[in-house]
C-alpha atoms as a PDB file:
ATOM      1  CA  UNK A   1      93.993 139.511 176.652  1.00  0.00           C
ATOM      2  CA  UNK A   2      93.413 137.432 179.783  1.00  0.00           C
ATOM      3  CA  UNK A   3      89.653 137.504 179.383  1.00  0.00           C
ATOM      4  CA  UNK A   4      89.838 136.636 175.689  1.00  0.00           C
ATOM      5  CA  UNK A   5      92.234 133.813 176.472  1.00  0.00           C
ATOM      6  CA  UNK A   6      90.014 132.516 179.273  1.00  0.00           C
ATOM      7  CA  UNK A   7      86.909 132.762 177.101  1.00  0.00           C
ATOM      8  CA  UNK A   8      88.616 130.769 174.290  1.00  0.00           C
ATOM      9  CA  UNK A   9      89.712 128.135 176.833  1.00  0.00           C
ATOM     10  CA  UNK A  10      86.142 127.853 178.150  1.00  0.00           C
ATOM     11  CA  UNK A  11      84.764 127.512 174.622  1.00  0.00           C
ATOM     12  CA  UNK A  12      87.236 124.722 173.900  1.00  0.00           C
ATOM     13  CA  UNK A  13      86.389 122.952 177.165  1.00  0.00           C
ATOM     14  CA  UNK A  14      82.709 123.085 176.309  1.00  0.00           C
ATOM     15  CA  UNK A  15      83.189 121.024 173.183  1.00  0.00           C
ATOM     16  CA  UNK A  16      84.597 117.998 175.034  1.00  0.00           C
ATOM     17  CA  UNK A  17      82.109 115.142 174.396  1.00  0.00           C
ATOM     18  CA  UNK A  18      79.941 117.606 172.421  1.00  0.00           C
ATOM     19  CA  UNK A  19      79.910 115.261 169.406  1.00  0.00           C
ATOM     20  CA  UNK A  20      78.353 111.807 169.774  1.00  0.00           C
ATOM     21  CA  UNK A  21      78.738 108.964 167.270  1.00  0.00           C
ATOM     22  CA  UNK A  22      77.427 105.409 167.384  1.00  0.00           C
ATOM     23  CA  UNK A  23      78.089 102.699 164.822  1.00  0.00           C
ATOM     24  CA  UNK A  24      79.976  99.618 163.719  1.00  0.00           C
ATOM     25  CA  UNK A  25      83.578  99.763 164.988  1.00  0.00           C
ATOM     26  CA  UNK A  26      86.064  97.884 162.827  1.00  0.00           C
ATOM     27  CA  UNK A  27      89.779  97.453 163.237  1.00  0.00           C
ATOM     28  CA  UNK A  28      91.316  98.306 159.868  1.00  0.00           C
ATOM     29  CA  UNK A  29      94.265  95.993 159.185  1.00  0.00           C
ATOM     30  CA  UNK A  30      96.371  96.748 156.123  1.00  0.00           C
ATOM     31  CA  UNK A  31      99.423  94.998 154.730  1.00  0.00           C
ATOM     32  CA  UNK A  32     101.145  94.367 151.429  1.00  0.00           C
ATOM     33  CA  UNK A  33     100.412  90.857 150.180  1.00  0.00           C
ATOM     34  CA  UNK A  34     101.302  88.867 147.055  1.00  0.00           C
ATOM     35  CA  UNK A  35      99.195  87.229 144.357  1.00  0.00           C
ATOM     36  CA  UNK A  36      99.457  83.843 146.109  1.00  0.00           C
ATOM     37  CA  UNK A  37      97.787  85.362 149.191  1.00  0.00           C
ATOM     38  CA  UNK A  38      94.921  86.734 147.075  1.00  0.00           C
ATOM     39  CA  UNK A  39      94.529  83.410 145.262  1.00  0.00           C
ATOM     40  CA  UNK A  40      94.558  81.472 148.531  1.00  0.00           C
ATOM     41  CA  UNK A  41      91.482  83.372 149.757  1.00  0.00           C
ATOM     42  CA  UNK A  42      89.828  83.840 146.352  1.00  0.00           C
ATOM     43  CA  UNK A  43      90.252  87.626 146.337  1.00  0.00           C
ATOM     44  CA  UNK A  44      90.342  90.036 143.401  1.00  0.00           C
ATOM     45  CA  UNK A  45      93.106  92.691 143.473  1.00  0.00           C
ATOM     46  CA  UNK A  46      90.668  95.635 143.624  1.00  0.00           C
ATOM     47  CA  UNK A  47      87.413  94.761 145.370  1.00  0.00           C
ATOM     48  CA  UNK A  48      85.243  95.203 148.465  1.00  0.00           C
ATOM     49  CA  UNK A  49      83.498  92.173 149.935  1.00  0.00           C
ATOM     50  CA  UNK A  50      82.026  90.883 153.178  1.00  0.00           C
ATOM     51  CA  UNK A  51      83.993  88.013 154.714  1.00  0.00           C
ATOM     52  CA  UNK A  52      82.719  84.462 154.318  1.00  0.00           C
ATOM     53  CA  UNK A  53      83.805  81.440 156.338  1.00  0.00           C
ATOM     54  CA  UNK A  54      86.711  80.813 153.948  1.00  0.00           C
ATOM     55  CA  UNK A  55      88.159  84.245 154.836  1.00  0.00           C
ATOM     56  CA  UNK A  56      88.100  83.912 158.641  1.00  0.00           C
ATOM     57  CA  UNK A  57      91.699  82.660 158.945  1.00  0.00           C
ATOM     58  CA  UNK A  58      92.903  85.463 156.692  1.00  0.00           C
ATOM     59  CA  UNK A  59      92.645  88.166 159.371  1.00  0.00           C
ATOM     60  CA  UNK A  60      95.133  86.439 161.680  1.00  0.00           C
ATOM     61  CA  UNK A  61      97.407  85.679 158.728  1.00  0.00           C
ATOM     62  CA  UNK A  62      97.502  89.277 157.477  1.00  0.00           C
ATOM     63  CA  UNK A  63      98.160  90.482 161.044  1.00  0.00           C
ATOM     64  CA  UNK A  64     101.385  88.456 161.019  1.00  0.00           C
ATOM     65  CA  UNK A  65     102.774  90.331 157.987  1.00  0.00           C
ATOM     66  CA  UNK A  66     105.950  92.287 158.718  1.00  0.00           C
ATOM     67  CA  UNK A  67     104.640  95.797 157.958  1.00  0.00           C
ATOM     68  CA  UNK A  68     101.061  95.516 159.132  1.00  0.00           C
ATOM     69  CA  UNK A  69      99.226  98.758 160.024  1.00  0.00           C
ATOM     70  CA  UNK A  70      96.219  99.125 162.321  1.00  0.00           C
ATOM     71  CA  UNK A  71      93.671 101.955 162.428  1.00  0.00           C
ATOM     72  CA  UNK A  72      90.365 102.518 164.214  1.00  0.00           C
ATOM     73  CA  UNK A  73      87.804 102.163 161.431  1.00  0.00           C
ATOM     74  CA  UNK A  74      84.162 101.699 160.518  1.00  0.00           C
ATOM     75  CA  UNK A  75      82.159 104.497 158.895  1.00  0.00           C
ATOM     76  CA  UNK A  76      80.947 106.497 161.921  1.00  0.00           C
ATOM     77  CA  UNK A  77      84.160 105.992 163.884  1.00  0.00           C
ATOM     78  CA  UNK A  78      86.120 107.252 160.851  1.00  0.00           C
ATOM     79  CA  UNK A  79      84.013 110.411 160.740  1.00  0.00           C
ATOM     80  CA  UNK A  80      84.330 111.272 164.438  1.00  0.00           C
ATOM     81  CA  UNK A  81      88.055 110.488 164.254  1.00  0.00           C
ATOM     82  CA  UNK A  82      88.446 112.953 161.352  1.00  0.00           C
ATOM     83  CA  UNK A  83      86.401 115.565 163.243  1.00  0.00           C
ATOM     84  CA  UNK A  84      88.778 115.237 166.210  1.00  0.00           C
ATOM     85  CA  UNK A  85      91.808 115.525 163.903  1.00  0.00           C
ATOM     86  CA  UNK A  86      90.414 118.710 162.333  1.00  0.00           C
ATOM     87  CA  UNK A  87      89.775 120.277 165.747  1.00  0.00           C
ATOM     88  CA  UNK A  88      93.051 118.980 167.303  1.00  0.00           C
ATOM     89  CA  UNK A  89      92.409 120.278 170.840  1.00  0.00           C
ATOM     90  CA  UNK A  90      90.800 119.714 173.231  1.00  0.00           C
ATOM     91  CA  UNK A  91      90.987 115.937 172.941  1.00  0.00           C
ATOM     92  CA  UNK A  92      87.851 113.795 173.328  1.00  0.00           C
ATOM     93  CA  UNK A  93      85.533 116.159 171.473  1.00  0.00           C
ATOM     94  CA  UNK A  94      83.803 113.012 170.225  1.00  0.00           C
ATOM     95  CA  UNK A  95      82.237 110.157 172.170  1.00  0.00           C
ATOM     96  CA  UNK A  96      81.813 106.892 170.267  1.00  0.00           C
ATOM     97  CA  UNK A  97      79.690 103.830 171.111  1.00  0.00           C
ATOM     98  CA  UNK A  98      79.833 100.460 169.363  1.00  0.00           C
ATOM     99  CA  UNK A  99      80.394  96.766 170.031  1.00  0.00           C
ATOM    100  CA  UNK A 100      83.704  94.857 170.013  1.00  0.00           C
ATOM    101  CA  UNK A 101      84.948  91.455 171.150  1.00  0.00           C
ATOM    102  CA  UNK A 102      87.029  90.544 174.192  1.00  0.00           C
ATOM    103  CA  UNK A 103      90.146  89.732 172.181  1.00  0.00           C
ATOM    104  CA  UNK A 104      93.521  91.013 170.955  1.00  0.00           C
ATOM    105  CA  UNK A 105      92.037  92.945 168.036  1.00  0.00           C
ATOM    106  CA  UNK A 106      89.613  94.610 170.464  1.00  0.00           C
ATOM    107  CA  UNK A 107      92.492  95.756 172.649  1.00  0.00           C
ATOM    108  CA  UNK A 108      94.333  97.136 169.594  1.00  0.00           C
ATOM    109  CA  UNK A 109      91.158  98.965 168.517  1.00  0.00           C
ATOM    110  CA  UNK A 110      90.831 100.560 171.962  1.00  0.00           C
ATOM    111  CA  UNK A 111      94.458 101.676 171.768  1.00  0.00           C
ATOM    112  CA  UNK A 112      94.009 103.122 168.254  1.00  0.00           C
ATOM    113  CA  UNK A 113      90.858 105.038 169.250  1.00  0.00           C
ATOM    114  CA  UNK A 114      92.781 106.458 172.207  1.00  0.00           C
ATOM    115  CA  UNK A 115      95.659 107.486 169.934  1.00  0.00           C
ATOM    116  CA  UNK A 116      93.101 109.297 167.754  1.00  0.00           C
ATOM    117  CA  UNK A 117      91.862 111.074 170.943  1.00  0.00           C
ATOM    118  CA  UNK A 118      88.321 109.730 170.501  1.00  0.00           C
ATOM    119  CA  UNK A 119      86.470 108.962 173.749  1.00  0.00           C
ATOM    120  CA  UNK A 120      85.392 105.439 172.768  1.00  0.00           C
ATOM    121  CA  UNK A 121      83.162 103.489 175.146  1.00  0.00           C
ATOM    122  CA  UNK A 122      82.795 100.064 173.591  1.00  0.00           C
ATOM    123  CA  UNK A 123      80.301  97.405 174.581  1.00  0.00           C
ATOM    124  CA  UNK A 124      82.480  94.298 174.936  1.00  0.00           C
ATOM    125  CA  UNK A 125      80.979  90.829 174.597  1.00  0.00           C
ATOM    126  CA  UNK A 126      82.433  87.338 174.268  1.00  0.00           C
ATOM    127  CA  UNK A 127      80.184  85.706 171.626  1.00  0.00           C
ATOM    128  CA  UNK A 128      81.793  87.281 168.552  1.00  0.00           C
ATOM    129  CA  UNK A 129      85.313  88.540 167.760  1.00  0.00           C
ATOM    130  CA  UNK A 130      86.049  92.216 167.128  1.00  0.00           C
ATOM    131  CA  UNK A 131      84.970  93.389 163.687  1.00  0.00           C
ATOM    132  CA  UNK A 132      87.801  93.825 161.215  1.00  0.00           C
ATOM    133  CA  UNK A 133      88.413  95.146 157.725  1.00  0.00           C
ATOM    134  CA  UNK A 134      91.484  93.769 155.976  1.00  0.00           C
ATOM    135  CA  UNK A 135      93.079  95.833 153.220  1.00  0.00           C
ATOM    136  CA  UNK A 136      95.174  93.449 151.128  1.00  0.00           C
ATOM    137  CA  UNK A 137      97.509  95.666 149.122  1.00  0.00           C
ATOM    138  CA  UNK A 138      99.143  94.589 145.854  1.00  0.00           C
ATOM    139  CA  UNK A 139     100.830  97.447 143.983  1.00  0.00           C
ATOM    140  CA  UNK A 140      98.239 100.226 143.597  1.00  0.00           C
ATOM    141  CA  UNK A 141      95.349  97.859 144.292  1.00  0.00           C
ATOM    142  CA  UNK A 142      93.503  97.275 147.548  1.00  0.00           C
ATOM    143  CA  UNK A 143      91.227  94.315 148.150  1.00  0.00           C
ATOM    144  CA  UNK A 144      88.992  95.054 151.140  1.00  0.00           C
ATOM    145  CA  UNK A 145      87.438  92.245 153.169  1.00  0.00           C
ATOM    146  CA  UNK A 146      85.152  93.241 156.052  1.00  0.00           C
ATOM    147  CA  UNK A 147      84.098  90.921 158.867  1.00  0.00           C
ATOM    148  CA  UNK A 148      81.474  92.779 160.935  1.00  0.00           C
ATOM    149  CA  UNK A 149      81.352  90.066 163.636  1.00  0.00           C
ATOM    150  CA  UNK A 150      80.998  91.823 167.028  1.00  0.00           C
ATOM    151  CA  UNK A 151      79.892  95.095 165.393  1.00  0.00           C
ATOM    152  CA  UNK A 152      76.557  93.351 164.739  1.00  0.00           C
ATOM    153  CA  UNK A 153      76.083  92.547 168.444  1.00  0.00           C
ATOM    154  CA  UNK A 154      75.445  95.977 169.970  1.00  0.00           C
ATOM    155  CA  UNK A 155      72.949  95.664 172.836  1.00  0.00           C
ATOM    156  CA  UNK A 156      70.935  98.777 173.754  1.00  0.00           C
ATOM    157  CA  UNK A 157      69.843  97.517 177.171  1.00  0.00           C
ATOM    158  CA  UNK A 158      73.327  96.389 178.188  1.00  0.00           C
ATOM    159  CA  UNK A 159      75.115  99.537 177.002  1.00  0.00           C
ATOM    160  CA  UNK A 160      73.197 102.597 175.761  1.00  0.00           C
ATOM    161  CA  UNK A 161      70.630 102.401 178.577  1.00  0.00           C
ATOM    162  CA  UNK A 162      73.258 102.297 181.343  1.00  0.00           C
ATOM    163  CA  UNK A 163      73.141 105.538 183.310  1.00  0.00           C
ATOM    164  CA  UNK A 164      76.862 106.288 182.985  1.00  0.00           C
ATOM    165  CA  UNK A 165      76.669 105.851 179.200  1.00  0.00           C
ATOM    166  CA  UNK A 166      73.423 107.757 178.756  1.00  0.00           C
ATOM    167  CA  UNK A 167      75.002 110.654 180.682  1.00  0.00           C
ATOM    168  CA  UNK A 168      77.526 110.920 177.817  1.00  0.00           C
ATOM    169  CA  UNK A 169      74.681 110.980 175.281  1.00  0.00           C
ATOM    170  CA  UNK A 170      73.011 113.803 177.205  1.00  0.00           C
ATOM    171  CA  UNK A 171      76.290 115.724 177.345  1.00  0.00           C
ATOM    172  CA  UNK A 172      76.494 115.959 173.542  1.00  0.00           C
ATOM    173  CA  UNK A 173      75.035 118.691 171.316  1.00  0.00           C
ATOM    174  CA  UNK A 174      75.585 117.086 167.918  1.00  0.00           C
ATOM    175  CA  UNK A 175      74.802 113.447 167.069  1.00  0.00           C
ATOM    176  CA  UNK A 176      75.900 111.498 164.006  1.00  0.00           C
ATOM    177  CA  UNK A 177      75.110 107.925 163.013  1.00  0.00           C
ATOM    178  CA  UNK A 178      75.803 106.234 159.667  1.00  0.00           C
ATOM    179  CA  UNK A 179      72.887 104.364 158.119  1.00  0.00           C
ATOM    180  CA  UNK A 180      74.868 101.119 158.373  1.00  0.00           C
ATOM    181  CA  UNK A 181      73.899 100.976 162.063  1.00  0.00           C
ATOM    182  CA  UNK A 182      70.231 100.573 161.052  1.00  0.00           C
ATOM    183  CA  UNK A 183      71.150  96.947 160.308  1.00  0.00           C
ATOM    184  CA  UNK A 184      72.318  96.474 163.916  1.00  0.00           C
ATOM    185  CA  UNK A 185      70.282  98.484 166.425  1.00  0.00           C
ATOM    186  CA  UNK A 186      67.548 100.753 165.021  1.00  0.00           C
ATOM    187  CA  UNK A 187      66.071 101.008 168.535  1.00  0.00           C
ATOM    188  CA  UNK A 188      69.341 102.592 169.766  1.00  0.00           C
ATOM    189  CA  UNK A 189      69.292 105.102 166.897  1.00  0.00           C
ATOM    190  CA  UNK A 190      65.682 106.024 167.683  1.00  0.00           C
ATOM    191  CA  UNK A 191      66.411 106.605 171.363  1.00  0.00           C
ATOM    192  CA  UNK A 192      69.298 108.963 170.543  1.00  0.00           C
ATOM    193  CA  UNK A 193      67.385 110.687 167.716  1.00  0.00           C
ATOM    194  CA  UNK A 194      64.356 111.334 169.935  1.00  0.00           C
ATOM    195  CA  UNK A 195      66.589 112.743 172.694  1.00  0.00           C
ATOM    196  CA  UNK A 196      68.165 115.154 170.189  1.00  0.00           C
ATOM    197  CA  UNK A 197      64.774 116.230 168.842  1.00  0.00           C
ATOM    198  CA  UNK A 198      63.190 116.748 172.285  1.00  0.00           C
ATOM    199  CA  UNK A 199      66.140 118.863 173.414  1.00  0.00           C
ATOM    200  CA  UNK A 200      66.535 120.866 170.175  1.00  0.00           C
ATOM    201  CA  UNK A 201      69.964 119.360 169.513  1.00  0.00           C
ATOM    202  CA  UNK A 202      71.303 118.341 166.090  1.00  0.00           C
ATOM    203  CA  UNK A 203      70.914 114.772 164.822  1.00  0.00           C
ATOM    204  CA  UNK A 204      72.668 113.698 161.608  1.00  0.00           C
ATOM    205  CA  UNK A 205      72.105 110.496 159.631  1.00  0.00           C
ATOM    206  CA  UNK A 206      73.953 109.168 156.581  1.00  0.00           C
ATOM    207  CA  UNK A 207      72.227 107.154 153.836  1.00  0.00           C
ATOM    208  CA  UNK A 208      75.540 105.181 153.761  1.00  0.00           C
ATOM    209  CA  UNK A 209      74.852 102.721 150.921  1.00  0.00           C
ATOM    210  CA  UNK A 210      72.072 101.951 148.411  1.00  0.00           C
ATOM    211  CA  UNK A 211      71.204  98.646 150.128  1.00  0.00           C
ATOM    212  CA  UNK A 212      70.217 100.494 153.327  1.00  0.00           C
ATOM    213  CA  UNK A 213      67.488 102.443 151.494  1.00  0.00           C
ATOM    214  CA  UNK A 214      66.406  99.270 149.710  1.00  0.00           C
ATOM    215  CA  UNK A 215      66.283  96.693 152.506  1.00  0.00           C
ATOM    216  CA  UNK A 216      66.041  98.746 155.718  1.00  0.00           C
ATOM    217  CA  UNK A 217      63.623 101.407 154.471  1.00  0.00           C
ATOM    218  CA  UNK A 218      61.056 100.969 157.273  1.00  0.00           C
ATOM    219  CA  UNK A 219      63.663 101.463 159.992  1.00  0.00           C
ATOM    220  CA  UNK A 220      65.158 104.398 158.088  1.00  0.00           C
ATOM    221  CA  UNK A 221      61.810 106.138 157.660  1.00  0.00           C
ATOM    222  CA  UNK A 222      61.010 105.646 161.344  1.00  0.00           C
ATOM    223  CA  UNK A 223      64.149 107.645 162.172  1.00  0.00           C
ATOM    224  CA  UNK A 224      63.773 110.231 159.357  1.00  0.00           C
ATOM    225  CA  UNK A 225      61.325 112.581 161.199  1.00  0.00           C
ATOM    226  CA  UNK A 226      64.086 113.211 163.754  1.00  0.00           C
ATOM    227  CA  UNK A 227      66.876 113.847 161.218  1.00  0.00           C
ATOM    228  CA  UNK A 228      68.198 117.439 161.172  1.00  0.00           C
ATOM    229  CA  UNK A 229      71.023 116.784 158.703  1.00  0.00           C
ATOM    230  CA  UNK A 230      70.820 114.062 156.053  1.00  0.00           C
ATOM    231  CA  UNK A 231      74.075 113.076 154.350  1.00  0.00           C
ATOM    232  CA  UNK A 232      74.654 110.889 151.302  1.00  0.00           C
ATOM    233  CA  UNK A 233      76.231 110.684 147.872  1.00  0.00           C
ATOM    234  CA  UNK A 234      74.481 110.946 144.524  1.00  0.00           C
ATOM    235  CA  UNK A 235      74.003 107.163 144.091  1.00  0.00           C
ATOM    236  CA  UNK A 236      72.589 106.727 147.598  1.00  0.00           C
ATOM    237  CA  UNK A 237      70.325 109.762 147.130  1.00  0.00           C
ATOM    238  CA  UNK A 238      68.897 108.419 143.845  1.00  0.00           C
ATOM    239  CA  UNK A 239      68.228 104.980 145.378  1.00  0.00           C
ATOM    240  CA  UNK A 240      66.623 106.526 148.467  1.00  0.00           C
ATOM    241  CA  UNK A 241      64.329 108.676 146.310  1.00  0.00           C
ATOM    242  CA  UNK A 242      63.372 105.792 144.020  1.00  0.00           C
ATOM    243  CA  UNK A 243      62.582 103.484 146.945  1.00  0.00           C
ATOM    244  CA  UNK A 244      60.357 106.175 148.461  1.00  0.00           C
ATOM    245  CA  UNK A 245      58.468 106.729 145.184  1.00  0.00           C
ATOM    246  CA  UNK A 246      59.972 110.102 144.250  1.00  0.00           C
ATOM    247  CA  UNK A 247      60.110 110.237 140.459  1.00  0.00           C
ATOM    248  CA  UNK A 248      62.829 112.793 139.605  1.00  0.00           C
ATOM    249  CA  UNK A 249      65.683 110.470 140.580  1.00  0.00           C
ATOM    250  CA  UNK A 250      68.071 111.983 138.025  1.00  0.00           C
ATOM    251  CA  UNK A 251      67.946 115.459 139.575  1.00  0.00           C
ATOM    252  CA  UNK A 252      70.019 115.520 142.780  1.00  0.00           C
ATOM    253  CA  UNK A 253      68.946 119.072 143.668  1.00  0.00           C
ATOM    254  CA  UNK A 254      65.282 118.081 143.327  1.00  0.00           C
ATOM    255  CA  UNK A 255      65.878 115.018 145.538  1.00  0.00           C
ATOM    256  CA  UNK A 256      67.521 117.269 148.142  1.00  0.00           C
ATOM    257  CA  UNK A 257      64.502 119.623 148.166  1.00  0.00           C
ATOM    258  CA  UNK A 258      62.118 116.653 148.415  1.00  0.00           C
ATOM    259  CA  UNK A 259      64.119 115.039 151.267  1.00  0.00           C
ATOM    260  CA  UNK A 260      64.224 118.354 153.119  1.00  0.00           C
ATOM    261  CA  UNK A 261      60.417 118.537 152.996  1.00  0.00           C
ATOM    262  CA  UNK A 262      59.818 115.049 154.431  1.00  0.00           C
ATOM    263  CA  UNK A 263      57.877 115.097 157.755  1.00  0.00           C
ATOM    264  CA  UNK A 264      59.896 116.383 160.703  1.00  0.00           C
ATOM    265  CA  UNK A 265      59.135 116.369 164.448  1.00  0.00           C
ATOM    266  CA  UNK A 266      61.265 119.300 165.632  1.00  0.00           C
ATOM    267  CA  UNK A 267      59.967 122.222 163.569  1.00  0.00           C
ATOM    268  CA  UNK A 268      62.422 124.623 165.229  1.00  0.00           C
ATOM    269  CA  UNK A 269      65.197 123.241 163.021  1.00  0.00           C
ATOM    270  CA  UNK A 270      64.536 122.986 159.276  1.00  0.00           C
ATOM    271  CA  UNK A 271      66.208 119.875 157.867  1.00  0.00           C
ATOM    272  CA  UNK A 272      69.479 120.348 155.982  1.00  0.00           C
ATOM    273  CA  UNK A 273      70.296 117.867 153.212  1.00  0.00           C
ATOM    274  CA  UNK A 274      73.887 117.471 152.011  1.00  0.00           C
ATOM    275  CA  UNK A 275      74.610 115.267 148.991  1.00  0.00           C
ATOM    276  CA  UNK A 276      78.160 114.867 147.677  1.00  0.00           C
ATOM    277  CA  UNK A 277      78.810 113.950 144.037  1.00  0.00           C
ATOM    278  CA  UNK A 278      82.463 112.897 143.853  1.00  0.00           C
ATOM    279  CA  UNK A 279      84.330 115.496 141.797  1.00  0.00           C
ATOM    280  CA  UNK A 280      81.075 117.378 141.004  1.00  0.00           C
ATOM    281  CA  UNK A 281      79.559 120.087 143.200  1.00  0.00           C
ATOM    282  CA  UNK A 282      78.154 119.194 146.598  1.00  0.00           C
ATOM    283  CA  UNK A 283      74.420 119.951 146.816  1.00  0.00           C
ATOM    284  CA  UNK A 284      73.080 121.398 150.060  1.00  0.00           C
ATOM    285  CA  UNK A 285      69.649 122.782 150.910  1.00  0.00           C
ATOM    286  CA  UNK A 286      68.453 125.499 150.734  1.00  0.00           C
ATOM    287  CA  UNK A 287      69.613 124.295 147.421  1.00  0.00           C
ATOM    288  CA  UNK A 288      73.077 125.668 146.922  1.00  0.00           C
ATOM    289  CA  UNK A 289      75.924 124.131 144.932  1.00  0.00           C
ATOM    290  CA  UNK A 290      79.358 124.061 146.568  1.00  0.00           C
ATOM    291  CA  UNK A 291      82.311 123.307 144.270  1.00  0.00           C
ATOM    292  CA  UNK A 292      84.808 120.731 145.552  1.00  0.00           C
ATOM    293  CA  UNK A 293      88.548 121.401 145.701  1.00  0.00           C
ATOM    294  CA  UNK A 294      90.448 120.666 142.506  1.00  0.00           C
ATOM    295  CA  UNK A 295      92.750 117.669 142.526  1.00  0.00           C
ATOM    296  CA  UNK A 296      94.932 116.099 139.860  1.00  0.00           C
ATOM    297  CA  UNK A 297      93.539 112.618 139.173  1.00  0.00           C
ATOM    298  CA  UNK A 298      97.104 111.265 139.486  1.00  0.00           C
ATOM    299  CA  UNK A 299      97.171 112.414 143.135  1.00  0.00           C
ATOM    300  CA  UNK A 300      94.161 110.277 144.064  1.00  0.00           C
ATOM    301  CA  UNK A 301      95.314 107.171 145.912  1.00  0.00           C
ATOM    302  CA  UNK A 302      92.137 105.812 147.513  1.00  0.00           C
ATOM    303  CA  UNK A 303      88.589 107.232 147.509  1.00  0.00           C
ATOM    304  CA  UNK A 304      87.111 104.695 149.969  1.00  0.00           C
ATOM    305  CA  UNK A 305      87.250 107.023 152.967  1.00  0.00           C
ATOM    306  CA  UNK A 306      86.166 110.188 151.120  1.00  0.00           C
ATOM    307  CA  UNK A 307      82.543 110.163 152.306  1.00  0.00           C
ATOM    308  CA  UNK A 308      83.446 109.496 155.938  1.00  0.00           C
ATOM    309  CA  UNK A 309      86.113 112.215 155.761  1.00  0.00           C
ATOM    310  CA  UNK A 310      83.685 114.742 154.292  1.00  0.00           C
ATOM    311  CA  UNK A 311      81.258 114.151 157.166  1.00  0.00           C
ATOM    312  CA  UNK A 312      84.095 114.331 159.706  1.00  0.00           C
ATOM    313  CA  UNK A 313      85.252 117.700 158.395  1.00  0.00           C
ATOM    314  CA  UNK A 314      81.655 118.941 158.327  1.00  0.00           C
ATOM    315  CA  UNK A 315      81.032 117.847 161.931  1.00  0.00           C
ATOM    316  CA  UNK A 316      84.251 119.490 163.151  1.00  0.00           C
ATOM    317  CA  UNK A 317      82.834 122.908 162.213  1.00  0.00           C
ATOM    318  CA  UNK A 318      79.228 122.099 163.125  1.00  0.00           C
ATOM    319  CA  UNK A 319      80.146 121.195 166.702  1.00  0.00           C
ATOM    320  CA  UNK A 320      81.818 124.631 166.946  1.00  0.00           C
ATOM    321  CA  UNK A 321      78.563 126.234 165.759  1.00  0.00           C
ATOM    322  CA  UNK A 322      79.987 127.488 162.488  1.00  0.00           C
ATOM    323  CA  UNK A 323      77.726 128.194 159.459  1.00  0.00           C
ATOM    324  CA  UNK A 324      76.817 125.643 156.780  1.00  0.00           C
ATOM    325  CA  UNK A 325      79.271 127.104 154.252  1.00  0.00           C
ATOM    326  CA  UNK A 326      82.173 126.583 156.667  1.00  0.00           C
ATOM    327  CA  UNK A 327      80.991 123.047 157.503  1.00  0.00           C
ATOM    328  CA  UNK A 328      80.986 122.113 153.812  1.00  0.00           C
ATOM    329  CA  UNK A 329      84.336 123.813 153.189  1.00  0.00           C
ATOM    330  CA  UNK A 330      85.858 121.758 156.016  1.00  0.00           C
ATOM    331  CA  UNK A 331      84.237 118.609 154.623  1.00  0.00           C
ATOM    332  CA  UNK A 332      85.740 119.224 151.190  1.00  0.00           C
ATOM    333  CA  UNK A 333      89.147 119.901 152.742  1.00  0.00           C
ATOM    334  CA  UNK A 334      89.147 116.695 154.820  1.00  0.00           C
ATOM    335  CA  UNK A 335      88.014 114.552 151.869  1.00  0.00           C
ATOM    336  CA  UNK A 336      90.695 116.134 149.665  1.00  0.00           C
ATOM    337  CA  UNK A 337      93.379 115.172 152.202  1.00  0.00           C
ATOM    338  CA  UNK A 338      92.148 111.611 152.734  1.00  0.00           C
ATOM    339  CA  UNK A 339      91.857 110.618 149.051  1.00  0.00           C
ATOM    340  CA  UNK A 340      95.580 111.323 148.596  1.00  0.00           C
ATOM    341  CA  UNK A 341      96.417 108.551 151.089  1.00  0.00           C
ATOM    342  CA  UNK A 342      95.744 104.828 151.498  1.00  0.00           C
ATOM    343  CA  UNK A 343      92.861 104.111 153.871  1.00  0.00           C
ATOM    344  CA  UNK A 344      91.139 106.671 156.060  1.00  0.00           C
ATOM    345  CA  UNK A 345      94.426 108.107 157.356  1.00  0.00           C
ATOM    346  CA  UNK A 346      95.754 111.634 157.692  1.00  0.00           C
ATOM    347  CA  UNK A 347      98.912 113.642 158.426  1.00  0.00           C
ATOM    348  CA  UNK A 348      99.693 114.770 161.962  1.00  0.00           C
ATOM    349  CA  UNK A 349      97.918 118.123 161.653  1.00  0.00           C
ATOM    350  CA  UNK A 350      95.422 119.682 159.244  1.00  0.00           C
ATOM    351  CA  UNK A 351      96.190 122.824 157.259  1.00  0.00           C
ATOM    352  CA  UNK A 352      92.684 124.234 157.184  1.00  0.00           C
ATOM    353  CA  UNK A 353      91.423 127.835 157.461  1.00  0.00           C
END
């Protein structure tokens, strides 16, 4: 018993900082507002937009609401946060890098990442405020307004290249970056991706949104030869394929096979492609269909965090060296939990296995 116990403890210790994520950190701020608030800032009840100048004052105003809630957000940070929640212990399985401001929202974000037991090492600068995403809730509707601000200011030379930070990169075995970060620091993504490839570690990239494949295709295709696991949903997959000249854009399984066969540097690891399709089966190469968990449509509260949650669940098993089937099962479980709640939030403990 002692040896088994000690061996389990060692295995758990080994996964501290084994998962590395880098992306756009946002402080999610949610509060119930009224129609006058929406009208004041020209917001629709159920929408997702990027903040314009007219919205800047809104973030401070919503933060003054009586029942305001804060969460560490942004796509990649959501996924590593979910992975940590699925694993529970040890804490700090995931390291996260991203840029924030030197302000009150930045301090709250640090606190929220700590509460989620994510080992966040933010690059702090003074030019831009911390990125935020306001969820303005009216009844069952949520109007999301994102202000990337500092998230756009990540500086490779001033953060990723520092020896103490790069040591954390080298410590990891699994790397995950959402495609959104291609708009900020493709050179940082390449440095991490090449490290993973040269050391036969696992590098995962998410297509993230159709506009990434459309407007950042050169940067994406520069990273693609180093990608071991490619994530996306059916819309992102179809756009990616179309932009790259693949003709069967209506056949998700065919797109997955095509994406798997794209040039790859590390031949020791065949590329895995995982495309989710909402309530339809998840497609994974070597092309297998994995049914999602059933859910009553009336139980669905908010699907915004479903993709991030799926990846988080997947990574929680991957970092423990579990097979693809288990990774996808965990992804489906995490997404099923998150869509029953507002925002990318979760109960105290998972009920998975």
